[in-house]
Amino acid sequence: GNLTRTPGPLVIDVTVIGSVKRRAVLARRGARAADAVFVSGAIGSAAAGLSQLRQFGPDAPINACIERYLRPEPRVRLGTLLGRNRAASACMDLSDGLAEGAHQLAAASGVGIAIDAGAVPIEPDARAWSERCGRDPVIDAVTGGDDYELMFTCRPRLGGRFRTVARQCGLTLTNVGVCTADGLVSLERDGRSEPMPRGYGHFR
């Protein structure tokens, strides 16, 4: 008989192969208790942009949040500087959100992570959008993803290396928390500790 093909979705598969010097590798493992946790730039804009596109569709007016979602800027230079200067004890990108990044980095390093909700750098437009929708801006920002900022940890004794990177990278680097020995991943705000929610999980 005749065989016919049923139209299906277009699948694009990309594989990237490269090399890196062993001592310049940035891995999720390596953080220790008392290491400071930093985030580059600000988060929440991409998630807010996606939310606006879902609500308004293709007629949504292009603004900073939508632009951030459609045209993310991976922090390649920052990653290169952190690896070259060996300033970070552990590092990962926040494509799946700060909350998911904190869980994954903590698990890989065998530590806990306490994130200060008040220190999380949230774009003002993203905060305003969450509040307009009646949602918690902090939870939206940490779980939203698609920011492509970096979260990394730094030993207290490597402050000089960190300051060198901070001067050269051209980005704001914010201390948002600390690694702990208790293995818990938490969000600290208003004097209370609450479990950090999970972000996007590819296999959940």
N, C-alpha and C. Protein backbone atom coordinates (compact mmCIF):
# COMPACT_ATOMS: atom_id res chain seq x y z
N GLY A 1 0.81 -1.18 0.00
CA GLY A 1 0.00 0.00 0.00
C GLY A 1 0.85 1.24 0.00
N ASN A 2 0.18 2.35 -0.27
CA ASN A 2 0.89 3.62 -0.27
C ASN A 2 1.12 4.10 1.17
N LEU A 3 2.31 4.63 1.42
CA LEU A 3 2.63 5.17 2.73
C LEU A 3 2.50 6.69 2.67
N THR A 4 1.82 7.25 3.62
CA THR A 4 1.68 8.70 3.69
C THR A 4 2.26 9.19 5.01
N ARG A 5 2.81 10.38 4.97
CA ARG A 5 3.38 10.96 6.18
C ARG A 5 2.41 11.96 6.77
N THR A 6 2.19 11.82 8.05
CA THR A 6 1.32 12.76 8.75
C THR A 6 2.14 13.97 9.17
N PRO A 7 1.71 15.16 8.78
CA PRO A 7 2.47 16.37 9.17
C PRO A 7 2.60 16.45 10.68
N GLY A 8 3.78 16.77 11.12
CA GLY A 8 4.03 16.90 12.56
C GLY A 8 4.78 18.18 12.86
N PRO A 9 5.09 18.39 14.12
CA PRO A 9 5.80 19.63 14.49
C PRO A 9 7.23 19.61 13.97
N LEU A 10 7.74 20.77 13.68
CA LEU A 10 9.13 20.91 13.25
C LEU A 10 10.03 20.80 14.48
N VAL A 11 11.03 19.94 14.40
CA VAL A 11 11.96 19.75 15.51
C VAL A 11 13.35 20.19 15.07
N ILE A 12 13.95 21.07 15.83
CA ILE A 12 15.31 21.52 15.57
C ILE A 12 16.20 21.04 16.71
N ASP A 13 17.24 20.30 16.38
CA ASP A 13 18.15 19.76 17.38
C ASP A 13 19.54 20.34 17.13
N VAL A 14 20.11 20.98 18.15
CA VAL A 14 21.41 21.62 18.01
C VAL A 14 22.37 21.02 19.03
N THR A 15 23.56 20.65 18.59
CA THR A 15 24.60 20.15 19.48
C THR A 15 25.83 21.04 19.35
N VAL A 16 26.35 21.48 20.48
CA VAL A 16 27.53 22.33 20.50
C VAL A 16 28.65 21.58 21.21
N ILE A 17 29.80 21.51 20.58
CA ILE A 17 30.95 20.82 21.16
C ILE A 17 32.10 21.81 21.26
N GLY A 18 32.78 21.83 22.38
CA GLY A 18 33.90 22.73 22.55
C GLY A 18 34.83 22.23 23.63
N SER A 19 35.77 23.04 23.99
CA SER A 19 36.73 22.67 25.03
C SER A 19 36.97 23.86 25.94
N VAL A 20 37.41 23.60 27.14
CA VAL A 20 37.70 24.64 28.11
C VAL A 20 38.82 24.16 29.01
N LYS A 21 39.64 25.09 29.46
CA LYS A 21 40.69 24.71 30.39
C LYS A 21 40.08 24.20 31.69
N ARG A 22 40.64 23.15 32.24
CA ARG A 22 40.05 22.47 33.40
C ARG A 22 39.81 23.44 34.56
N ARG A 23 40.75 24.32 34.83
CA ARG A 23 40.62 25.21 35.98
C ARG A 23 39.71 26.39 35.70
N ALA A 24 39.25 26.52 34.46
CA ALA A 24 38.35 27.63 34.12
C ALA A 24 36.90 27.18 33.99
N VAL A 25 36.63 25.91 34.27
CA VAL A 25 35.27 25.38 34.15
C VAL A 25 34.37 25.98 35.23
N LEU A 26 33.18 26.40 34.84
CA LEU A 26 32.17 26.84 35.80
C LEU A 26 31.14 25.73 35.95
N ALA A 27 31.08 25.12 37.12
CA ALA A 27 30.18 23.99 37.37
C ALA A 27 29.20 24.34 38.48
N ARG A 28 28.13 23.57 38.57
CA ARG A 28 27.14 23.80 39.62
C ARG A 28 27.64 23.31 40.97
N ARG A 29 28.55 22.37 40.95
CA ARG A 29 29.09 21.86 42.21
C ARG A 29 30.31 22.72 42.60
N GLY A 30 30.60 22.75 43.88
CA GLY A 30 31.76 23.49 44.34
C GLY A 30 31.45 24.51 45.42
N ALA A 31 30.19 24.87 45.58
CA ALA A 31 29.83 25.83 46.63
C ALA A 31 29.96 25.19 48.01
N ARG A 32 30.29 26.00 48.99
CA ARG A 32 30.41 25.55 50.37
C ARG A 32 29.58 26.46 51.27
N ALA A 33 29.27 25.95 52.46
CA ALA A 33 28.56 26.77 53.44
C ALA A 33 29.34 28.05 53.70
N ALA A 34 28.65 29.16 53.80
CA ALA A 34 29.18 30.51 54.03
C ALA A 34 29.58 31.21 52.74
N ASP A 35 29.56 30.53 51.60
CA ASP A 35 29.79 31.22 50.33
C ASP A 35 28.64 32.18 50.08
N ALA A 36 28.95 33.36 49.55
CA ALA A 36 27.92 34.33 49.19
C ALA A 36 27.30 33.95 47.85
N VAL A 37 26.01 34.22 47.69
CA VAL A 37 25.29 33.93 46.46
C VAL A 37 25.00 35.24 45.74
N PHE A 38 25.40 35.32 44.47
CA PHE A 38 25.21 36.53 43.68
C PHE A 38 24.35 36.25 42.45
N VAL A 39 23.67 37.29 41.98
CA VAL A 39 22.89 37.24 40.74
C VAL A 39 23.30 38.44 39.89
N SER A 40 23.48 38.21 38.60
CA SER A 40 23.81 39.31 37.70
C SER A 40 22.53 40.01 37.22
N GLY A 41 22.66 41.30 36.90
CA GLY A 41 21.54 42.04 36.31
C GLY A 41 20.31 42.05 37.19
N ALA A 42 19.16 41.92 36.56
CA ALA A 42 17.87 41.89 37.25
C ALA A 42 17.03 40.78 36.64
N ILE A 43 16.09 40.27 37.41
CA ILE A 43 15.27 39.16 36.94
C ILE A 43 13.79 39.53 36.97
N GLY A 44 13.01 38.71 36.29
CA GLY A 44 11.56 38.91 36.29
C GLY A 44 11.00 39.51 35.02
N SER A 45 11.84 40.20 34.24
CA SER A 45 11.33 40.89 33.05
C SER A 45 10.83 39.91 31.99
N ALA A 46 11.62 38.86 31.72
CA ALA A 46 11.23 37.92 30.67
C ALA A 46 9.91 37.24 31.00
N ALA A 47 9.76 36.83 32.26
CA ALA A 47 8.51 36.19 32.68
C ALA A 47 7.33 37.14 32.54
N ALA A 48 7.56 38.40 32.90
CA ALA A 48 6.49 39.40 32.74
C ALA A 48 6.17 39.62 31.27
N GLY A 49 7.20 39.63 30.43
CA GLY A 49 6.97 39.79 29.00
C GLY A 49 6.16 38.64 28.41
N LEU A 50 6.49 37.42 28.81
CA LEU A 50 5.73 36.26 28.33
C LEU A 50 4.28 36.33 28.80
N SER A 51 4.09 36.73 30.05
CA SER A 51 2.73 36.86 30.59
C SER A 51 1.92 37.88 29.78
N GLN A 52 2.55 38.98 29.41
CA GLN A 52 1.86 40.00 28.62
C GLN A 52 1.53 39.50 27.22
N LEU A 53 2.45 38.76 26.63
CA LEU A 53 2.18 38.21 25.29
C LEU A 53 1.03 37.21 25.34
N ARG A 54 0.98 36.43 26.39
CA ARG A 54 -0.12 35.47 26.53
C ARG A 54 -1.45 36.17 26.72
N GLN A 55 -1.44 37.30 27.42
CA GLN A 55 -2.69 38.00 27.68
C GLN A 55 -3.16 38.81 26.48
N PHE A 56 -2.22 39.50 25.82
CA PHE A 56 -2.61 40.41 24.75
C PHE A 56 -2.39 39.84 23.35
N GLY A 57 -1.64 38.74 23.24
CA GLY A 57 -1.41 38.14 21.93
C GLY A 57 -0.43 38.93 21.09
N PRO A 58 -0.43 38.70 19.80
CA PRO A 58 0.55 39.36 18.91
C PRO A 58 0.37 40.87 18.82
N ASP A 59 -0.76 41.39 19.30
CA ASP A 59 -0.98 42.83 19.26
C ASP A 59 -0.42 43.54 20.49
N ALA A 60 0.24 42.80 21.37
CA ALA A 60 0.81 43.42 22.57
C ALA A 60 1.86 44.46 22.19
N PRO A 61 1.78 45.65 22.77
CA PRO A 61 2.79 46.67 22.46
C PRO A 61 4.16 46.23 22.99
N ILE A 62 5.17 46.35 22.15
CA ILE A 62 6.51 45.94 22.56
C ILE A 62 7.04 46.89 23.62
N ASN A 63 7.42 46.35 24.75
CA ASN A 63 8.01 47.15 25.83
C ASN A 63 9.26 46.44 26.32
N ALA A 64 9.87 46.95 27.40
CA ALA A 64 11.13 46.40 27.87
C ALA A 64 10.99 44.94 28.29
N CYS A 65 9.87 44.58 28.91
CA CYS A 65 9.69 43.20 29.38
C CYS A 65 9.55 42.23 28.20
N ILE A 66 8.73 42.59 27.23
CA ILE A 66 8.55 41.74 26.06
C ILE A 66 9.85 41.64 25.27
N GLU A 67 10.56 42.75 25.16
CA GLU A 67 11.84 42.76 24.47
C GLU A 67 12.83 41.82 25.16
N ARG A 68 12.80 41.82 26.47
CA ARG A 68 13.71 40.94 27.23
C ARG A 68 13.37 39.47 26.99
N TYR A 69 12.09 39.17 26.86
CA TYR A 69 11.69 37.78 26.60
C TYR A 69 12.06 37.36 25.18
N LEU A 70 11.81 38.24 24.22
CA LEU A 70 12.04 37.89 22.82
C LEU A 70 13.52 37.89 22.44
N ARG A 71 14.30 38.74 23.10
CA ARG A 71 15.72 38.88 22.74
C ARG A 71 16.60 38.85 23.99
N PRO A 72 16.72 37.69 24.61
CA PRO A 72 17.54 37.58 25.81
C PRO A 72 19.02 37.80 25.50
N GLU A 73 19.77 38.21 26.51
CA GLU A 73 21.20 38.45 26.36
C GLU A 73 21.96 37.54 27.33
N PRO A 74 22.41 36.37 26.87
CA PRO A 74 23.19 35.49 27.75
C PRO A 74 24.44 36.20 28.24
N ARG A 75 24.80 35.99 29.48
CA ARG A 75 25.93 36.71 30.09
C ARG A 75 27.25 35.98 29.83
N VAL A 76 27.61 35.92 28.57
CA VAL A 76 28.82 35.19 28.17
C VAL A 76 30.08 35.85 28.72
N ARG A 77 30.16 37.17 28.60
CA ARG A 77 31.37 37.85 29.09
C ARG A 77 31.55 37.66 30.59
N LEU A 78 30.48 37.77 31.34
CA LEU A 78 30.58 37.56 32.79
C LEU A 78 31.06 36.14 33.09
N GLY A 79 30.48 35.17 32.42
CA GLY A 79 30.89 33.78 32.64
C GLY A 79 32.36 33.58 32.33
N THR A 80 32.82 34.20 31.25
CA THR A 80 34.24 34.09 30.87
C THR A 80 35.13 34.69 31.94
N LEU A 81 34.74 35.85 32.45
CA LEU A 81 35.54 36.50 33.49
C LEU A 81 35.56 35.70 34.78
N LEU A 82 34.42 35.15 35.17
CA LEU A 82 34.36 34.34 36.39
C LEU A 82 35.24 33.11 36.28
N GLY A 83 35.20 32.47 35.09
CA GLY A 83 36.03 31.29 34.90
C GLY A 83 37.50 31.62 34.82
N ARG A 84 37.84 32.67 34.11
CA ARG A 84 39.25 33.06 33.92
C ARG A 84 39.88 33.46 35.26
N ASN A 85 39.12 34.21 36.09
CA ASN A 85 39.66 34.69 37.36
C ASN A 85 39.46 33.70 38.50
N ARG A 86 38.74 32.62 38.21
CA ARG A 86 38.40 31.63 39.23
C ARG A 86 37.78 32.31 40.46
N ALA A 87 36.87 33.24 40.18
CA ALA A 87 36.22 33.99 41.25
C ALA A 87 34.99 33.28 41.79
N ALA A 88 34.41 32.36 41.02
CA ALA A 88 33.18 31.68 41.44
C ALA A 88 33.47 30.26 41.88
N SER A 89 32.90 29.86 43.00
CA SER A 89 33.04 28.47 43.45
C SER A 89 32.03 27.57 42.76
N ALA A 90 30.91 28.13 42.32
CA ALA A 90 29.89 27.40 41.55
C ALA A 90 29.10 28.43 40.76
N CYS A 91 28.49 28.00 39.65
CA CYS A 91 27.79 28.95 38.79
C CYS A 91 26.81 28.22 37.88
N MET A 92 25.71 28.87 37.56
CA MET A 92 24.79 28.36 36.54
C MET A 92 23.94 29.49 36.01
N ASP A 93 23.37 29.28 34.81
CA ASP A 93 22.51 30.32 34.24
C ASP A 93 21.10 30.16 34.78
N LEU A 94 20.31 31.21 34.64
CA LEU A 94 18.96 31.22 35.20
C LEU A 94 17.89 31.12 34.12
N SER A 95 18.15 30.31 33.11
CA SER A 95 17.14 30.12 32.07
C SER A 95 15.87 29.51 32.62
N ASP A 96 15.98 28.72 33.69
CA ASP A 96 14.80 28.10 34.31
C ASP A 96 14.37 28.82 35.58
N GLY A 97 14.95 29.96 35.86
CA GLY A 97 14.54 30.74 37.02
C GLY A 97 15.49 30.62 38.20
N LEU A 98 15.52 31.67 39.02
CA LEU A 98 16.40 31.67 40.19
C LEU A 98 16.03 30.57 41.17
N ALA A 99 14.74 30.33 41.37
CA ALA A 99 14.32 29.31 42.31
C ALA A 99 14.85 27.94 41.90
N GLU A 100 14.65 27.57 40.64
CA GLU A 100 15.12 26.27 40.16
C GLU A 100 16.65 26.23 40.18
N GLY A 101 17.29 27.35 39.83
CA GLY A 101 18.74 27.40 39.87
C GLY A 101 19.28 27.16 41.27
N ALA A 102 18.63 27.77 42.26
CA ALA A 102 19.07 27.58 43.65
C ALA A 102 18.94 26.12 44.07
N HIS A 103 17.83 25.49 43.71
CA HIS A 103 17.65 24.07 44.05
C HIS A 103 18.72 23.21 43.38
N GLN A 104 18.98 23.45 42.11
CA GLN A 104 19.94 22.62 41.39
C GLN A 104 21.37 22.84 41.87
N LEU A 105 21.75 24.09 42.09
CA LEU A 105 23.11 24.36 42.56
C LEU A 105 23.31 23.79 43.96
N ALA A 106 22.31 23.94 44.82
CA ALA A 106 22.40 23.41 46.19
C ALA A 106 22.55 21.89 46.17
N ALA A 107 21.76 21.22 45.33
CA ALA A 107 21.83 19.76 45.25
C ALA A 107 23.19 19.30 44.73
N ALA A 108 23.68 19.98 43.70
CA ALA A 108 24.96 19.59 43.12
C ALA A 108 26.12 19.82 44.07
N SER A 109 26.03 20.86 44.90
CA SER A 109 27.12 21.21 45.81
C SER A 109 26.96 20.59 47.20
N GLY A 110 25.79 20.05 47.50
CA GLY A 110 25.57 19.47 48.82
C GLY A 110 25.47 20.52 49.92
N VAL A 111 24.85 21.66 49.60
CA VAL A 111 24.67 22.73 50.58
C VAL A 111 23.22 23.18 50.57
N GLY A 112 22.87 24.05 51.49
CA GLY A 112 21.60 24.74 51.45
C GLY A 112 21.83 26.13 50.89
N ILE A 113 20.77 26.81 50.51
CA ILE A 113 20.87 28.18 50.04
C ILE A 113 19.70 28.98 50.62
N ALA A 114 20.03 30.09 51.27
CA ALA A 114 19.01 31.00 51.81
C ALA A 114 19.03 32.27 50.97
N ILE A 115 17.92 32.55 50.30
CA ILE A 115 17.81 33.74 49.45
C ILE A 115 17.02 34.82 50.17
N ASP A 116 17.58 36.02 50.23
CA ASP A 116 16.92 37.17 50.85
C ASP A 116 15.96 37.79 49.83
N ALA A 117 14.67 37.65 50.08
CA ALA A 117 13.66 38.14 49.13
C ALA A 117 13.81 39.64 48.88
N GLY A 118 14.20 40.38 49.91
CA GLY A 118 14.33 41.82 49.76
C GLY A 118 15.51 42.25 48.91
N ALA A 119 16.47 41.33 48.72
CA ALA A 119 17.66 41.66 47.93
C ALA A 119 17.54 41.25 46.47
N VAL A 120 16.53 40.45 46.13
CA VAL A 120 16.39 39.96 44.76
C VAL A 120 16.17 41.15 43.83
N PRO A 121 17.03 41.32 42.81
CA PRO A 121 16.91 42.48 41.92
C PRO A 121 15.83 42.26 40.86
N ILE A 122 14.67 42.85 41.10
CA ILE A 122 13.52 42.70 40.20
C ILE A 122 13.34 43.99 39.40
N GLU A 123 13.19 43.85 38.08
CA GLU A 123 12.96 45.02 37.24
C GLU A 123 11.66 45.72 37.69
N PRO A 124 11.67 47.05 37.82
CA PRO A 124 10.47 47.77 38.26
C PRO A 124 9.24 47.47 37.39
N ASP A 125 9.42 47.39 36.06
CA ASP A 125 8.28 47.11 35.18
C ASP A 125 7.72 45.72 35.44
N ALA A 126 8.60 44.75 35.75
CA ALA A 126 8.14 43.40 36.05
C ALA A 126 7.39 43.37 37.37
N ARG A 127 7.91 44.10 38.34
CA ARG A 127 7.23 44.18 39.64
C ARG A 127 5.84 44.80 39.48
N ALA A 128 5.76 45.88 38.70
CA ALA A 128 4.48 46.56 38.49
C ALA A 128 3.47 45.65 37.80
N TRP A 129 3.95 44.84 36.83
CA TRP A 129 3.04 43.94 36.12
C TRP A 129 2.50 42.87 37.05
N SER A 130 3.37 42.28 37.88
CA SER A 130 2.91 41.26 38.82
C SER A 130 1.88 41.82 39.78
N GLU A 131 2.15 43.01 40.31
CA GLU A 131 1.20 43.63 41.24
C GLU A 131 -0.12 43.95 40.55
N ARG A 132 -0.05 44.39 39.29
CA ARG A 132 -1.27 44.67 38.53
C ARG A 132 -2.11 43.41 38.36
N CYS A 133 -1.45 42.27 38.22
CA CYS A 133 -2.15 40.99 38.04
C CYS A 133 -2.53 40.35 39.37
N GLY A 134 -2.20 41.02 40.49
CA GLY A 134 -2.56 40.50 41.80
C GLY A 134 -1.67 39.35 42.26
N ARG A 135 -0.44 39.31 41.75
CA ARG A 135 0.47 38.21 42.12
C ARG A 135 1.63 38.75 42.95
N ASP A 136 2.36 37.83 43.53
CA ASP A 136 3.53 38.16 44.34
C ASP A 136 4.71 38.42 43.41
N PRO A 137 5.24 39.64 43.34
CA PRO A 137 6.34 39.95 42.43
C PRO A 137 7.59 39.11 42.67
N VAL A 138 7.88 38.80 43.93
CA VAL A 138 9.07 38.02 44.24
C VAL A 138 8.93 36.59 43.70
N ILE A 139 7.79 35.97 43.96
CA ILE A 139 7.57 34.60 43.48
C ILE A 139 7.56 34.57 41.96
N ASP A 140 6.92 35.54 41.33
CA ASP A 140 6.93 35.61 39.87
C ASP A 140 8.35 35.72 39.35
N ALA A 141 9.16 36.56 39.97
CA ALA A 141 10.52 36.80 39.49
C ALA A 141 11.41 35.58 39.66
N VAL A 142 11.33 34.91 40.81
CA VAL A 142 12.26 33.80 41.05
C VAL A 142 11.85 32.52 40.34
N THR A 143 10.58 32.38 39.98
CA THR A 143 10.14 31.15 39.32
C THR A 143 9.96 31.30 37.82
N GLY A 144 9.99 32.54 37.32
CA GLY A 144 9.61 32.77 35.92
C GLY A 144 10.55 32.23 34.87
N GLY A 145 11.84 32.41 35.06
CA GLY A 145 12.80 31.92 34.07
C GLY A 145 12.94 32.81 32.85
N ASP A 146 13.76 32.32 31.90
CA ASP A 146 14.05 32.99 30.62
C ASP A 146 14.85 34.27 30.76
N ASP A 147 15.46 34.51 31.93
CA ASP A 147 16.25 35.72 32.10
C ASP A 147 17.66 35.56 31.56
N TYR A 148 18.21 34.37 31.66
CA TYR A 148 19.58 34.08 31.19
C TYR A 148 20.64 34.91 31.92
N GLU A 149 20.31 35.34 33.13
CA GLU A 149 21.32 35.92 33.99
C GLU A 149 22.12 34.77 34.61
N LEU A 150 23.17 35.10 35.35
CA LEU A 150 23.96 34.08 36.03
C LEU A 150 23.76 34.18 37.53
N MET A 151 23.69 33.02 38.18
CA MET A 151 23.76 32.94 39.64
C MET A 151 25.06 32.23 39.96
N PHE A 152 25.84 32.80 40.87
CA PHE A 152 27.10 32.17 41.22
C PHE A 152 27.41 32.38 42.69
N THR A 153 28.29 31.54 43.21
CA THR A 153 28.69 31.64 44.60
C THR A 153 30.16 32.04 44.67
N CYS A 154 30.52 32.69 45.76
CA CYS A 154 31.88 33.21 45.89
C CYS A 154 32.36 33.01 47.33
N ARG A 155 33.55 32.46 47.50
CA ARG A 155 34.14 32.32 48.83
C ARG A 155 34.43 33.71 49.42
N PRO A 156 34.20 33.88 50.71
CA PRO A 156 34.52 35.18 51.34
C PRO A 156 35.97 35.60 51.14
N ARG A 157 36.89 34.64 51.12
CA ARG A 157 38.31 34.99 50.98
C ARG A 157 38.70 35.39 49.56
N LEU A 158 37.78 35.21 48.61
CA LEU A 158 38.09 35.56 47.22
C LEU A 158 37.46 36.90 46.82
N GLY A 159 37.28 37.76 47.80
CA GLY A 159 36.64 39.05 47.53
C GLY A 159 37.39 39.89 46.51
N GLY A 160 38.72 39.80 46.53
CA GLY A 160 39.51 40.57 45.57
C GLY A 160 39.23 40.14 44.15
N ARG A 161 39.15 38.84 43.92
CA ARG A 161 38.85 38.34 42.57
C ARG A 161 37.46 38.78 42.15
N PHE A 162 36.51 38.71 43.09
CA PHE A 162 35.14 39.13 42.76
C PHE A 162 35.10 40.60 42.37
N ARG A 163 35.80 41.43 43.12
CA ARG A 163 35.77 42.87 42.81
C ARG A 163 36.38 43.16 41.44
N THR A 164 37.38 42.39 41.06
CA THR A 164 37.96 42.55 39.73
C THR A 164 36.93 42.24 38.65
N VAL A 165 36.21 41.14 38.82
CA VAL A 165 35.17 40.77 37.86
C VAL A 165 34.07 41.83 37.83
N ALA A 166 33.66 42.31 39.01
CA ALA A 166 32.60 43.32 39.09
C ALA A 166 32.98 44.59 38.33
N ARG A 167 34.26 44.97 38.39
CA ARG A 167 34.70 46.17 37.68
C ARG A 167 34.70 45.97 36.17
N GLN A 168 35.00 44.75 35.73
CA GLN A 168 35.21 44.50 34.30
C GLN A 168 33.96 44.07 33.55
N CYS A 169 32.96 43.53 34.23
CA CYS A 169 31.85 42.90 33.52
C CYS A 169 30.81 43.89 33.00
N GLY A 170 30.73 45.07 33.59
CA GLY A 170 29.75 46.05 33.13
C GLY A 170 28.32 45.74 33.54
N LEU A 171 28.14 44.89 34.54
CA LEU A 171 26.81 44.52 35.01
C LEU A 171 26.71 44.76 36.51
N THR A 172 25.48 44.88 36.98
CA THR A 172 25.24 44.93 38.42
C THR A 172 25.26 43.51 38.96
N LEU A 173 26.03 43.27 39.99
CA LEU A 173 26.10 41.95 40.63
C LEU A 173 25.57 42.12 42.05
N THR A 174 24.49 41.42 42.36
CA THR A 174 23.80 41.61 43.64
C THR A 174 23.95 40.39 44.53
N ASN A 175 24.36 40.63 45.78
CA ASN A 175 24.43 39.56 46.79
C ASN A 175 23.01 39.28 47.28
N VAL A 176 22.46 38.14 46.89
CA VAL A 176 21.07 37.82 47.21
C VAL A 176 20.92 36.78 48.31
N GLY A 177 22.04 36.23 48.79
CA GLY A 177 21.89 35.21 49.82
C GLY A 177 23.21 34.57 50.20
N VAL A 178 23.10 33.43 50.85
CA VAL A 178 24.28 32.74 51.36
C VAL A 178 24.05 31.23 51.33
N CYS A 179 25.13 30.49 51.15
CA CYS A 179 25.05 29.04 51.21
C CYS A 179 25.09 28.61 52.68
N THR A 180 24.33 27.59 53.02
CA THR A 180 24.22 27.13 54.40
C THR A 180 24.57 25.66 54.49
N ALA A 181 24.77 25.19 55.72
CA ALA A 181 25.14 23.80 55.93
C ALA A 181 23.93 22.89 56.16
N ASP A 182 22.73 23.48 56.24
CA ASP A 182 21.56 22.67 56.60
C ASP A 182 20.90 21.96 55.42
N GLY A 183 21.32 22.26 54.20
CA GLY A 183 20.75 21.58 53.03
C GLY A 183 19.40 22.09 52.59
N LEU A 184 18.88 23.12 53.25
CA LEU A 184 17.56 23.65 52.91
C LEU A 184 17.69 24.79 51.89
N VAL A 185 16.75 24.86 50.97
CA VAL A 185 16.70 25.96 50.01
C VAL A 185 15.49 26.80 50.39
N SER A 186 15.75 28.02 50.84
CA SER A 186 14.68 28.81 51.43
C SER A 186 14.67 30.24 50.91
N LEU A 187 13.53 30.87 51.12
CA LEU A 187 13.32 32.28 50.79
C LEU A 187 13.09 33.00 52.10
N GLU A 188 13.94 33.96 52.41
CA GLU A 188 13.86 34.66 53.69
C GLU A 188 13.22 36.04 53.48
N ARG A 189 12.14 36.30 54.17
CA ARG A 189 11.54 37.64 54.10
C ARG A 189 10.70 37.92 55.33
N ASP A 190 10.72 39.19 55.73
CA ASP A 190 9.96 39.66 56.89
C ASP A 190 10.29 38.84 58.13
N GLY A 191 11.54 38.45 58.28
CA GLY A 191 11.96 37.69 59.46
C GLY A 191 11.51 36.25 59.48
N ARG A 192 10.94 35.79 58.37
CA ARG A 192 10.47 34.40 58.32
C ARG A 192 11.18 33.66 57.19
N SER A 193 11.25 32.36 57.35
CA SER A 193 11.86 31.50 56.33
C SER A 193 10.78 30.62 55.73
N GLU A 194 10.69 30.59 54.40
CA GLU A 194 9.71 29.76 53.72
C GLU A 194 10.42 28.91 52.66
N PRO A 195 9.89 27.72 52.38
CA PRO A 195 10.55 26.88 51.37
C PRO A 195 10.58 27.59 50.02
N MET A 196 11.71 27.50 49.35
CA MET A 196 11.80 28.08 48.01
C MET A 196 10.97 27.23 47.06
N PRO A 197 10.05 27.85 46.30
CA PRO A 197 9.28 27.06 45.33
C PRO A 197 10.19 26.54 44.23
N ARG A 198 9.71 25.58 43.48
CA ARG A 198 10.46 25.10 42.33
C ARG A 198 10.13 25.95 41.12
N GLY A 199 11.09 26.08 40.22
CA GLY A 199 10.86 26.76 38.95
C GLY A 199 10.50 25.75 37.87
N TYR A 200 10.85 26.07 36.65
CA TYR A 200 10.55 25.16 35.54
C TYR A 200 11.45 23.95 35.60
N GLY A 201 10.86 22.75 35.48
CA GLY A 201 11.64 21.51 35.45
C GLY A 201 11.39 20.77 34.15
N HIS A 202 12.44 20.46 33.41
CA HIS A 202 12.30 19.84 32.10
C HIS A 202 11.71 18.43 32.19
N PHE A 203 11.97 17.74 33.29
CA PHE A 203 11.55 16.33 33.36
C PHE A 203 10.57 16.10 34.51
N ARG A 204 9.84 17.15 34.91
CA ARG A 204 8.83 16.97 35.95
C ARG A 204 7.45 17.14 35.34
